[in-house]
Amino acid sequence: MLSLFLSCILATAAKTSPAALNESSGNMNPLSKALIILDFIFLLYVVFSPENRFKEYTRFLLLVHGSAPILFYGAEMIAPGNFYLIIGIFFALVVLYYFLCQIDLFVQIITIVNCCLLVGVVISSLLKETSYSIMGSIGGPVIAAAIFIFLGITRFDTLYKIHTIFVCYIVTTILIEALTNVQVFSNAGNDVKTSSLSFLIAATVFGILTFLLFFK
């Protein structure tokens, strides 16, 4: 039930996350904001809590977070325009993910794929209004893929930490956008001052998460 509840959160938040990063946070309805806050609190609790209550589900929960955009829009392609059917397919894919996460090879492959996807999301969204957006969204994941594959084969623990950092980073920045007027992901268009603030916030959040997750 906990996993299904989280899936519902992800399905709702997915509409305002990677695929809709150019939308203003002011367009988010109160329910979306509430779900993002709950997801943020729950995710950080799972990642940083010393308790073992959710540890057996941690890998599954983090991989679902990383794959949520793919799963949700995959379901949307199967049943375009039918919201309830989309949610049903999404739930089915999440349940399938739960069983597949018992297979180490699947976890290894999906972690690599998720890392490449998340790198592309972060780079393309932060550089959205610049001439580097195409190069960043395509070249970034391609270059990163070689590194991630190497880490997946030789040092999976390191790759898993990188995946966790990206997931926490995206959820945190989406939360910041939902609660403030700062558009971290949209790079604030051509407003140099606001863009600089966006980059500063993004870099600070990423730096803090990297430090906490690598040295916890």
Protein backbone atom coordinates (compact mmCIF):
# COMPACT_ATOMS: atom_id res chain seq x y z
CA MET A 1 0.00 0.00 0.00
CA LEU A 2 2.84 2.36 0.79
CA SER A 3 4.36 1.78 -2.63
CA LEU A 4 1.01 2.36 -4.34
CA PHE A 5 0.49 5.58 -2.38
CA LEU A 6 3.89 6.79 -3.49
CA SER A 7 3.02 5.86 -7.06
CA CYS A 8 -0.04 8.10 -6.86
CA ILE A 9 2.17 10.94 -5.66
CA LEU A 10 4.59 10.39 -8.51
CA ALA A 11 1.85 10.17 -11.11
CA THR A 12 0.41 13.50 -10.02
CA ALA A 13 3.77 15.22 -9.61
CA ALA A 14 5.07 13.88 -12.92
CA LYS A 15 2.89 16.35 -14.82
CA THR A 16 4.74 19.23 -13.20
CA SER A 17 8.20 17.70 -13.28
CA PRO A 18 10.66 16.90 -16.10
CA ALA A 19 8.13 16.97 -18.93
CA ALA A 20 6.67 20.29 -17.81
CA LEU A 21 9.66 22.15 -16.45
CA ASN A 22 8.86 25.21 -18.51
CA GLU A 23 5.57 25.80 -16.70
CA SER A 24 5.34 28.39 -13.96
CA SER A 25 5.17 27.07 -10.43
CA GLY A 26 2.22 29.39 -9.96
CA ASN A 27 0.20 27.11 -12.25
CA MET A 28 0.49 24.20 -9.82
CA ASN A 29 -2.73 23.50 -8.00
CA PRO A 30 -2.72 23.13 -4.18
CA LEU A 31 -3.07 19.34 -4.41
CA SER A 32 0.06 19.08 -6.58
CA LYS A 33 1.99 21.25 -4.13
CA ALA A 34 0.82 19.17 -1.18
CA LEU A 35 1.80 15.92 -2.91
CA ILE A 36 5.22 17.32 -3.82
CA ILE A 37 5.81 18.31 -0.18
CA LEU A 38 4.75 14.84 1.04
CA ASP A 39 6.93 13.18 -1.57
CA PHE A 40 9.90 15.37 -0.58
CA ILE A 41 9.53 14.58 3.13
CA PHE A 42 9.04 10.87 2.53
CA LEU A 43 11.94 10.62 0.08
CA LEU A 44 14.41 12.35 2.38
CA TYR A 45 13.20 10.22 5.31
CA VAL A 46 13.81 7.04 3.32
CA VAL A 47 17.25 8.20 2.17
CA PHE A 48 18.60 9.72 5.40
CA SER A 49 16.77 7.91 8.20
CA PRO A 50 18.98 5.57 10.28
CA GLU A 51 15.96 3.34 10.85
CA ASN A 52 15.56 0.18 8.79
CA ARG A 53 11.80 0.49 8.45
CA PHE A 54 11.86 1.23 4.71
CA LYS A 55 15.36 0.08 3.84
CA GLU A 56 14.22 -3.01 1.99
CA TYR A 57 12.13 -0.76 -0.28
CA THR A 58 14.71 2.00 -0.70
CA ARG A 59 16.15 0.69 -3.95
CA PHE A 60 12.69 0.25 -5.48
CA LEU A 61 11.47 3.68 -4.34
CA LEU A 62 14.51 5.51 -5.69
CA LEU A 63 14.42 3.71 -9.04
CA VAL A 64 10.70 4.47 -9.43
CA HIS A 65 11.41 8.14 -8.69
CA GLY A 66 14.14 8.17 -11.31
CA SER A 67 11.96 6.40 -13.88
CA ALA A 68 8.66 8.14 -13.07
CA PRO A 69 8.67 10.41 -16.16
CA ILE A 70 9.36 7.45 -18.47
CA LEU A 71 6.74 5.26 -16.79
CA PHE A 72 4.09 7.96 -16.71
CA TYR A 73 4.51 9.13 -20.29
CA GLY A 74 4.88 5.57 -21.47
CA ALA A 75 1.46 4.93 -19.95
CA GLU A 76 0.20 8.14 -21.55
CA MET A 77 1.33 6.92 -24.98
CA ILE A 78 -0.50 3.62 -24.48
CA ALA A 79 -3.75 5.34 -23.46
CA PRO A 80 -3.64 8.94 -24.72
CA GLY A 81 -6.27 11.21 -23.22
CA ASN A 82 -7.71 8.65 -20.80
CA PHE A 83 -6.47 9.84 -17.40
CA TYR A 84 -7.83 6.96 -15.31
CA LEU A 85 -6.50 4.34 -17.72
CA ILE A 86 -3.14 6.11 -17.74
CA ILE A 87 -3.02 5.98 -13.93
CA GLY A 88 -4.02 2.30 -14.02
CA ILE A 89 -1.24 1.46 -16.48
CA PHE A 90 1.20 3.51 -14.41
CA PHE A 91 0.27 1.55 -11.28
CA ALA A 92 0.74 -1.72 -13.20
CA LEU A 93 4.19 -0.62 -14.38
CA VAL A 94 5.16 0.37 -10.83
CA VAL A 95 4.08 -3.03 -9.51
CA LEU A 96 6.09 -4.69 -12.30
CA TYR A 97 9.05 -2.53 -11.27
CA TYR A 98 8.77 -3.81 -7.71
CA PHE A 99 9.28 -7.41 -8.80
CA LEU A 100 11.96 -6.56 -11.35
CA CYS A 101 13.91 -4.71 -8.65
CA GLN A 102 14.56 -8.09 -7.04
CA ILE A 103 16.86 -8.82 -10.01
CA ASP A 104 20.31 -7.27 -9.57
CA LEU A 105 21.00 -7.02 -13.32
CA PHE A 106 17.74 -5.10 -13.87
CA VAL A 107 18.62 -2.71 -11.04
CA GLN A 108 22.05 -2.15 -12.56
CA ILE A 109 20.67 -1.44 -16.04
CA ILE A 110 17.83 0.82 -14.86
CA THR A 111 20.16 2.78 -12.60
CA ILE A 112 22.40 3.51 -15.60
CA VAL A 113 19.42 4.45 -17.81
CA ASN A 114 17.92 6.65 -15.08
CA CYS A 115 21.22 8.46 -14.51
CA CYS A 116 21.49 9.27 -18.24
CA LEU A 117 17.87 10.47 -18.28
CA LEU A 118 18.30 12.60 -15.17
CA VAL A 119 21.52 14.16 -16.49
CA GLY A 120 19.66 15.10 -19.67
CA VAL A 121 16.74 16.55 -17.69
CA VAL A 122 18.98 18.66 -15.46
CA ILE A 123 21.27 19.93 -18.24
CA SER A 124 18.56 20.68 -20.79
CA SER A 125 16.33 22.41 -18.24
CA LEU A 126 19.07 24.56 -16.71
CA LEU A 127 20.37 25.52 -20.18
CA LYS A 128 16.94 25.76 -21.75
CA GLU A 129 17.22 29.36 -22.87
CA THR A 130 20.81 29.09 -24.09
CA SER A 131 22.49 27.90 -27.27
CA TYR A 132 23.89 24.92 -25.34
CA SER A 133 20.49 23.34 -24.64
CA ILE A 134 20.56 20.89 -27.57
CA MET A 135 24.19 19.96 -27.01
CA GLY A 136 23.54 19.58 -23.29
CA SER A 137 20.41 17.47 -23.59
CA ILE A 138 21.97 15.15 -26.19
CA GLY A 139 25.71 15.28 -25.62
CA GLY A 140 25.52 15.31 -21.83
CA PRO A 141 23.79 11.94 -21.46
CA VAL A 142 25.93 10.39 -24.21
CA ILE A 143 29.16 11.35 -22.47
CA ALA A 144 27.72 10.51 -19.07
CA ALA A 145 26.53 7.10 -20.30
CA ALA A 146 30.10 5.91 -20.79
CA ILE A 147 30.98 6.98 -17.25
CA PHE A 148 27.82 5.48 -15.76
CA ILE A 149 28.27 2.16 -17.57
CA PHE A 150 31.83 1.98 -16.26
CA LEU A 151 30.66 2.74 -12.72
CA GLY A 152 27.78 0.29 -13.07
CA ILE A 153 30.23 -2.47 -13.88
CA THR A 154 33.04 -1.57 -11.50
CA ARG A 155 31.61 0.54 -8.65
CA PHE A 156 27.85 0.21 -8.51
CA ASP A 157 27.64 1.72 -5.02
CA THR A 158 29.08 4.97 -6.39
CA LEU A 159 26.67 4.97 -9.33
CA TYR A 160 23.75 4.32 -6.97
CA LYS A 161 24.76 7.33 -4.87
CA ILE A 162 24.89 9.49 -8.01
CA HIS A 163 21.40 8.29 -8.94
CA THR A 164 20.14 9.14 -5.44
CA ILE A 165 21.68 12.62 -5.67
CA PHE A 166 19.94 13.36 -8.97
CA VAL A 167 16.57 12.09 -7.71
CA CYS A 168 16.79 14.13 -4.49
CA TYR A 169 18.01 17.17 -6.45
CA ILE A 170 15.09 17.16 -8.89
CA VAL A 171 12.49 16.59 -6.16
CA THR A 172 14.06 19.37 -4.05
CA THR A 173 14.18 21.91 -6.88
CA ILE A 174 10.61 21.10 -7.92
CA LEU A 175 9.62 21.75 -4.29
CA ILE A 176 11.45 25.10 -4.34
CA GLU A 177 9.61 26.09 -7.52
CA ALA A 178 6.29 25.01 -6.05
CA LEU A 179 6.70 27.11 -2.90
CA THR A 180 8.50 30.17 -4.30
CA ASN A 181 8.62 32.34 -7.41
CA VAL A 182 12.15 31.21 -8.25
CA GLN A 183 12.18 29.19 -11.49
CA VAL A 184 15.18 26.93 -10.92
CA PHE A 185 14.47 24.58 -13.82
CA SER A 186 13.24 27.11 -16.38
CA ASN A 187 16.43 29.18 -16.01
CA ALA A 188 14.23 32.30 -15.77
CA GLY A 189 14.40 33.15 -19.48
CA ASN A 190 16.54 36.14 -20.41
CA ASP A 191 16.49 37.78 -16.99
CA VAL A 192 20.20 37.66 -16.12
CA LYS A 193 19.74 38.40 -12.41
CA THR A 194 17.01 35.81 -11.96
CA SER A 195 18.92 33.28 -14.06
CA SER A 196 21.98 33.79 -11.88
CA LEU A 197 19.87 33.24 -8.78
CA SER A 198 18.43 30.07 -10.32
CA PHE A 199 21.90 28.70 -11.04
CA LEU A 200 23.09 29.65 -7.56
CA ILE A 201 20.16 27.84 -5.93
CA ALA A 202 20.60 24.81 -8.20
CA ALA A 203 24.34 24.61 -7.53
CA THR A 204 23.84 25.03 -3.77
CA VAL A 205 21.16 22.33 -3.58
CA PHE A 206 23.24 19.95 -5.69
CA GLY A 207 26.38 20.62 -3.65
CA ILE A 208 24.64 20.05 -0.31
CA LEU A 209 23.00 16.82 -1.49
CA THR A 210 26.28 15.55 -2.93
CA PHE A 211 28.10 16.20 0.35
CA LEU A 212 25.36 14.66 2.50
CA LEU A 213 24.92 11.54 0.37
CA PHE A 214 28.57 10.78 -0.25
CA PHE A 215 29.69 11.34 3.32
CA LYS A 216 26.65 10.23 5.32
